[in-house]
Amino acid sequence: MQEEKERYTEEREHRSRHIEHNEKEHDEGIGEKWRRDPFSAIFFGLIVLTVGILFLLAAQDYIYWSDWWMYFLICLGAILIIETFVRWSVPAYRKPGAGRIIIGLVLIVIGAASLTTRVIWPWIIIIVAIAIIILGVTRARRPV
């Protein structure tokens, strides 16, 4: 009877260590996957590039210094939406994206609402162009 209890205890401890080991490997695998995520670096670089371009445009008097943040909000919203669709198209780096799309749209609306009507038309054309590109990408992914 004592031997059975000891064997049962040893088996239970062994299973417990095995489960802990598998969970640790699983957690490390997920962490490693996101550390090697190329999209995070690419889209962070796009955000920094946007700031640089907007500062350059303001310094060259193409946009007013007081308006650069409106353009930044629009660009940031567009980058968030594009990132979501790019991640959605690559299964290895898929993340839930509804929140990012909503945040991106809100940023675009806030930035666009702050601009005057003479400046908003080019942005409308750009947004329509992005929508056409996204539609083309999603159609290209469908099997024929």
C-alpha atoms as a PDB file:
ATOM      1  CA  MET A   1       0.000   0.000   0.000  1.00  0.00           C
ATOM      2  CA  GLN A   2       2.827   2.376   0.922  1.00  0.00           C
ATOM      3  CA  GLU A   3       4.623   1.571  -2.336  1.00  0.00           C
ATOM      4  CA  GLU A   4       1.519   2.431  -4.364  1.00  0.00           C
ATOM      5  CA  LYS A   5       1.222   5.792  -2.612  1.00  0.00           C
ATOM      6  CA  GLU A   6       4.876   6.579  -3.271  1.00  0.00           C
ATOM      7  CA  ARG A   7       4.581   5.545  -6.925  1.00  0.00           C
ATOM      8  CA  TYR A   8       1.393   7.617  -7.295  1.00  0.00           C
ATOM      9  CA  THR A   9       3.119  10.629  -5.703  1.00  0.00           C
ATOM     10  CA  GLU A  10       6.159  10.239  -7.971  1.00  0.00           C
ATOM     11  CA  GLU A  11       3.966   9.971 -11.083  1.00  0.00           C
ATOM     12  CA  ARG A  12       1.988  13.030 -10.056  1.00  0.00           C
ATOM     13  CA  GLU A  13       5.177  15.045  -9.470  1.00  0.00           C
ATOM     14  CA  HIS A  14       6.581  13.862 -12.800  1.00  0.00           C
ATOM     15  CA  ARG A  15       3.393  14.914 -14.640  1.00  0.00           C
ATOM     16  CA  SER A  16       3.419  18.254 -12.850  1.00  0.00           C
ATOM     17  CA  ARG A  17       7.040  18.940 -13.878  1.00  0.00           C
ATOM     18  CA  HIS A  18       6.255  17.856 -17.438  1.00  0.00           C
ATOM     19  CA  ILE A  19       3.261  20.218 -17.644  1.00  0.00           C
ATOM     20  CA  GLU A  20       5.280  23.124 -16.190  1.00  0.00           C
ATOM     21  CA  HIS A  21       8.095  22.447 -18.675  1.00  0.00           C
ATOM     22  CA  ASN A  22       5.667  22.426 -21.637  1.00  0.00           C
ATOM     23  CA  GLU A  23       3.971  25.648 -20.463  1.00  0.00           C
ATOM     24  CA  LYS A  24       7.358  27.347 -20.072  1.00  0.00           C
ATOM     25  CA  GLU A  25       8.407  26.296 -23.591  1.00  0.00           C
ATOM     26  CA  HIS A  26       5.067  27.488 -24.972  1.00  0.00           C
ATOM     27  CA  ASP A  27       5.390  30.885 -23.277  1.00  0.00           C
ATOM     28  CA  GLU A  28       8.977  31.291 -24.477  1.00  0.00           C
ATOM     29  CA  GLY A  29       7.897  30.350 -28.015  1.00  0.00           C
ATOM     30  CA  ILE A  30       5.251  33.062 -28.067  1.00  0.00           C
ATOM     31  CA  GLY A  31       7.657  35.645 -26.645  1.00  0.00           C
ATOM     32  CA  GLU A  32      10.300  34.715 -29.198  1.00  0.00           C
ATOM     33  CA  LYS A  33       7.765  34.938 -32.008  1.00  0.00           C
ATOM     34  CA  TRP A  34       6.837  38.518 -31.107  1.00  0.00           C
ATOM     35  CA  ARG A  35      10.477  39.510 -30.530  1.00  0.00           C
ATOM     36  CA  ARG A  36      11.274  38.455 -34.081  1.00  0.00           C
ATOM     37  CA  ASP A  37       8.186  40.222 -35.439  1.00  0.00           C
ATOM     38  CA  PRO A  38       9.423  42.316 -38.379  1.00  0.00           C
ATOM     39  CA  PHE A  39       6.170  44.248 -38.689  1.00  0.00           C
ATOM     40  CA  SER A  40       6.555  45.999 -35.343  1.00  0.00           C
ATOM     41  CA  ALA A  41       9.868  47.502 -36.379  1.00  0.00           C
ATOM     42  CA  ILE A  42       8.619  48.369 -39.863  1.00  0.00           C
ATOM     43  CA  PHE A  43       5.519  50.181 -38.671  1.00  0.00           C
ATOM     44  CA  PHE A  44       7.339  51.956 -35.847  1.00  0.00           C
ATOM     45  CA  GLY A  45       9.819  53.120 -38.480  1.00  0.00           C
ATOM     46  CA  LEU A  46       6.922  54.364 -40.618  1.00  0.00           C
ATOM     47  CA  ILE A  47       5.624  56.413 -37.697  1.00  0.00           C
ATOM     48  CA  VAL A  48       9.046  57.998 -37.101  1.00  0.00           C
ATOM     49  CA  LEU A  49       9.408  58.605 -40.857  1.00  0.00           C
ATOM     50  CA  THR A  50       6.005  60.318 -40.880  1.00  0.00           C
ATOM     51  CA  VAL A  51       7.084  62.668 -38.088  1.00  0.00           C
ATOM     52  CA  GLY A  52      10.288  63.477 -39.966  1.00  0.00           C
ATOM     53  CA  ILE A  53       8.461  64.150 -43.229  1.00  0.00           C
ATOM     54  CA  LEU A  54       5.881  66.346 -41.509  1.00  0.00           C
ATOM     55  CA  PHE A  55       8.597  68.360 -39.760  1.00  0.00           C
ATOM     56  CA  LEU A  56      10.382  68.752 -43.097  1.00  0.00           C
ATOM     57  CA  LEU A  57       7.186  69.907 -44.800  1.00  0.00           C
ATOM     58  CA  ALA A  58       6.570  72.401 -41.999  1.00  0.00           C
ATOM     59  CA  ALA A  59      10.150  73.667 -42.175  1.00  0.00           C
ATOM     60  CA  GLN A  60       9.777  74.150 -45.953  1.00  0.00           C
ATOM     61  CA  ASP A  61       6.468  76.010 -45.410  1.00  0.00           C
ATOM     62  CA  TYR A  62       4.367  73.423 -47.254  1.00  0.00           C
ATOM     63  CA  ILE A  63       2.263  73.018 -44.115  1.00  0.00           C
ATOM     64  CA  TYR A  64       1.863  75.302 -41.126  1.00  0.00           C
ATOM     65  CA  TRP A  65       3.697  74.417 -37.918  1.00  0.00           C
ATOM     66  CA  SER A  66       0.429  74.708 -36.047  1.00  0.00           C
ATOM     67  CA  ASP A  67      -1.187  72.091 -38.330  1.00  0.00           C
ATOM     68  CA  TRP A  68       1.437  69.327 -38.407  1.00  0.00           C
ATOM     69  CA  TRP A  69      -0.258  67.349 -35.622  1.00  0.00           C
ATOM     70  CA  MET A  70      -3.478  67.091 -37.672  1.00  0.00           C
ATOM     71  CA  TYR A  71      -1.562  65.509 -40.513  1.00  0.00           C
ATOM     72  CA  PHE A  72       0.207  63.270 -38.021  1.00  0.00           C
ATOM     73  CA  LEU A  73      -3.115  61.988 -36.644  1.00  0.00           C
ATOM     74  CA  ILE A  74      -4.331  61.197 -40.139  1.00  0.00           C
ATOM     75  CA  CYS A  75      -1.088  59.421 -41.053  1.00  0.00           C
ATOM     76  CA  LEU A  76      -0.975  57.523 -37.757  1.00  0.00           C
ATOM     77  CA  GLY A  77      -4.546  56.332 -38.253  1.00  0.00           C
ATOM     78  CA  ALA A  78      -3.730  55.194 -41.777  1.00  0.00           C
ATOM     79  CA  ILE A  79      -0.592  53.386 -40.579  1.00  0.00           C
ATOM     80  CA  LEU A  80      -2.574  51.544 -37.880  1.00  0.00           C
ATOM     81  CA  ILE A  81      -5.180  50.435 -40.409  1.00  0.00           C
ATOM     82  CA  ILE A  82      -2.573  49.355 -42.961  1.00  0.00           C
ATOM     83  CA  GLU A  83      -0.654  47.445 -40.277  1.00  0.00           C
ATOM     84  CA  THR A  84      -3.812  45.581 -39.315  1.00  0.00           C
ATOM     85  CA  PHE A  85      -4.472  44.520 -42.900  1.00  0.00           C
ATOM     86  CA  VAL A  86      -0.856  43.530 -43.488  1.00  0.00           C
ATOM     87  CA  ARG A  87      -0.849  41.417 -40.317  1.00  0.00           C
ATOM     88  CA  TRP A  88      -4.154  39.906 -41.348  1.00  0.00           C
ATOM     89  CA  SER A  89      -2.670  38.864 -44.700  1.00  0.00           C
ATOM     90  CA  VAL A  90       0.308  37.076 -43.069  1.00  0.00           C
ATOM     91  CA  PRO A  91      -0.990  34.223 -40.863  1.00  0.00           C
ATOM     92  CA  ALA A  92       2.229  33.897 -38.842  1.00  0.00           C
ATOM     93  CA  TYR A  93       1.836  37.425 -37.439  1.00  0.00           C
ATOM     94  CA  ARG A  94      -1.937  37.700 -37.145  1.00  0.00           C
ATOM     95  CA  LYS A  95      -3.272  39.619 -34.189  1.00  0.00           C
ATOM     96  CA  PRO A  96      -6.778  40.753 -33.371  1.00  0.00           C
ATOM     97  CA  GLY A  97      -7.177  44.001 -35.276  1.00  0.00           C
ATOM     98  CA  ALA A  98     -10.664  45.410 -34.803  1.00  0.00           C
ATOM     99  CA  GLY A  99      -9.475  47.748 -32.049  1.00  0.00           C
ATOM    100  CA  ARG A 100      -6.614  49.091 -34.164  1.00  0.00           C
ATOM    101  CA  ILE A 101      -8.940  49.702 -37.096  1.00  0.00           C
ATOM    102  CA  ILE A 102     -11.384  51.600 -34.886  1.00  0.00           C
ATOM    103  CA  ILE A 103      -8.578  53.647 -33.295  1.00  0.00           C
ATOM    104  CA  GLY A 104      -7.135  54.342 -36.753  1.00  0.00           C
ATOM    105  CA  LEU A 105     -10.483  55.553 -38.067  1.00  0.00           C
ATOM    106  CA  VAL A 106     -11.016  57.761 -35.009  1.00  0.00           C
ATOM    107  CA  LEU A 107      -7.555  59.329 -35.467  1.00  0.00           C
ATOM    108  CA  ILE A 108      -8.228  59.947 -39.144  1.00  0.00           C
ATOM    109  CA  VAL A 109     -11.577  61.577 -38.397  1.00  0.00           C
ATOM    110  CA  ILE A 110     -10.108  63.786 -35.645  1.00  0.00           C
ATOM    111  CA  GLY A 111      -7.238  64.889 -37.862  1.00  0.00           C
ATOM    112  CA  ALA A 112      -9.426  65.431 -40.918  1.00  0.00           C
ATOM    113  CA  ALA A 113     -12.055  67.341 -38.972  1.00  0.00           C
ATOM    114  CA  SER A 114      -9.371  69.795 -37.904  1.00  0.00           C
ATOM    115  CA  LEU A 115      -8.312  70.567 -41.480  1.00  0.00           C
ATOM    116  CA  THR A 116     -10.003  73.074 -43.723  1.00  0.00           C
ATOM    117  CA  THR A 117     -12.028  71.932 -46.726  1.00  0.00           C
ATOM    118  CA  ARG A 118      -9.380  72.990 -49.241  1.00  0.00           C
ATOM    119  CA  VAL A 119      -6.896  70.574 -47.700  1.00  0.00           C
ATOM    120  CA  ILE A 120      -9.269  67.688 -47.029  1.00  0.00           C
ATOM    121  CA  TRP A 121      -9.889  66.713 -50.685  1.00  0.00           C
ATOM    122  CA  PRO A 122      -6.424  65.248 -51.277  1.00  0.00           C
ATOM    123  CA  TRP A 123      -6.845  63.165 -48.116  1.00  0.00           C
ATOM    124  CA  ILE A 124     -10.198  61.868 -49.309  1.00  0.00           C
ATOM    125  CA  ILE A 125      -8.568  60.813 -52.579  1.00  0.00           C
ATOM    126  CA  ILE A 126      -5.721  59.130 -50.665  1.00  0.00           C
ATOM    127  CA  ILE A 127      -8.156  57.260 -48.390  1.00  0.00           C
ATOM    128  CA  VAL A 128     -10.196  56.092 -51.395  1.00  0.00           C
ATOM    129  CA  ALA A 129      -6.966  54.903 -53.055  1.00  0.00           C
ATOM    130  CA  ILE A 130      -5.972  52.971 -49.920  1.00  0.00           C
ATOM    131  CA  ALA A 131      -9.431  51.381 -49.790  1.00  0.00           C
ATOM    132  CA  ILE A 132      -9.077  50.296 -53.443  1.00  0.00           C
ATOM    133  CA  ILE A 133      -5.641  48.791 -52.724  1.00  0.00           C
ATOM    134  CA  ILE A 134      -6.951  46.913 -49.678  1.00  0.00           C
ATOM    135  CA  LEU A 135      -9.887  45.619 -51.717  1.00  0.00           C
ATOM    136  CA  GLY A 136      -7.461  44.421 -54.400  1.00  0.00           C
ATOM    137  CA  VAL A 137      -5.280  42.644 -51.814  1.00  0.00           C
ATOM    138  CA  THR A 138      -8.249  40.864 -50.245  1.00  0.00           C
ATOM    139  CA  ARG A 139      -9.515  39.777 -53.665  1.00  0.00           C
ATOM    140  CA  ALA A 140      -6.057  38.502 -54.613  1.00  0.00           C
ATOM    141  CA  ARG A 141      -5.995  36.319 -51.492  1.00  0.00           C
ATOM    142  CA  ARG A 142      -9.274  34.554 -52.362  1.00  0.00           C
ATOM    143  CA  PRO A 143      -8.902  31.232 -54.153  1.00  0.00           C
ATOM    144  CA  VAL A 144     -10.313  31.144 -57.673  1.00  0.00           C
END
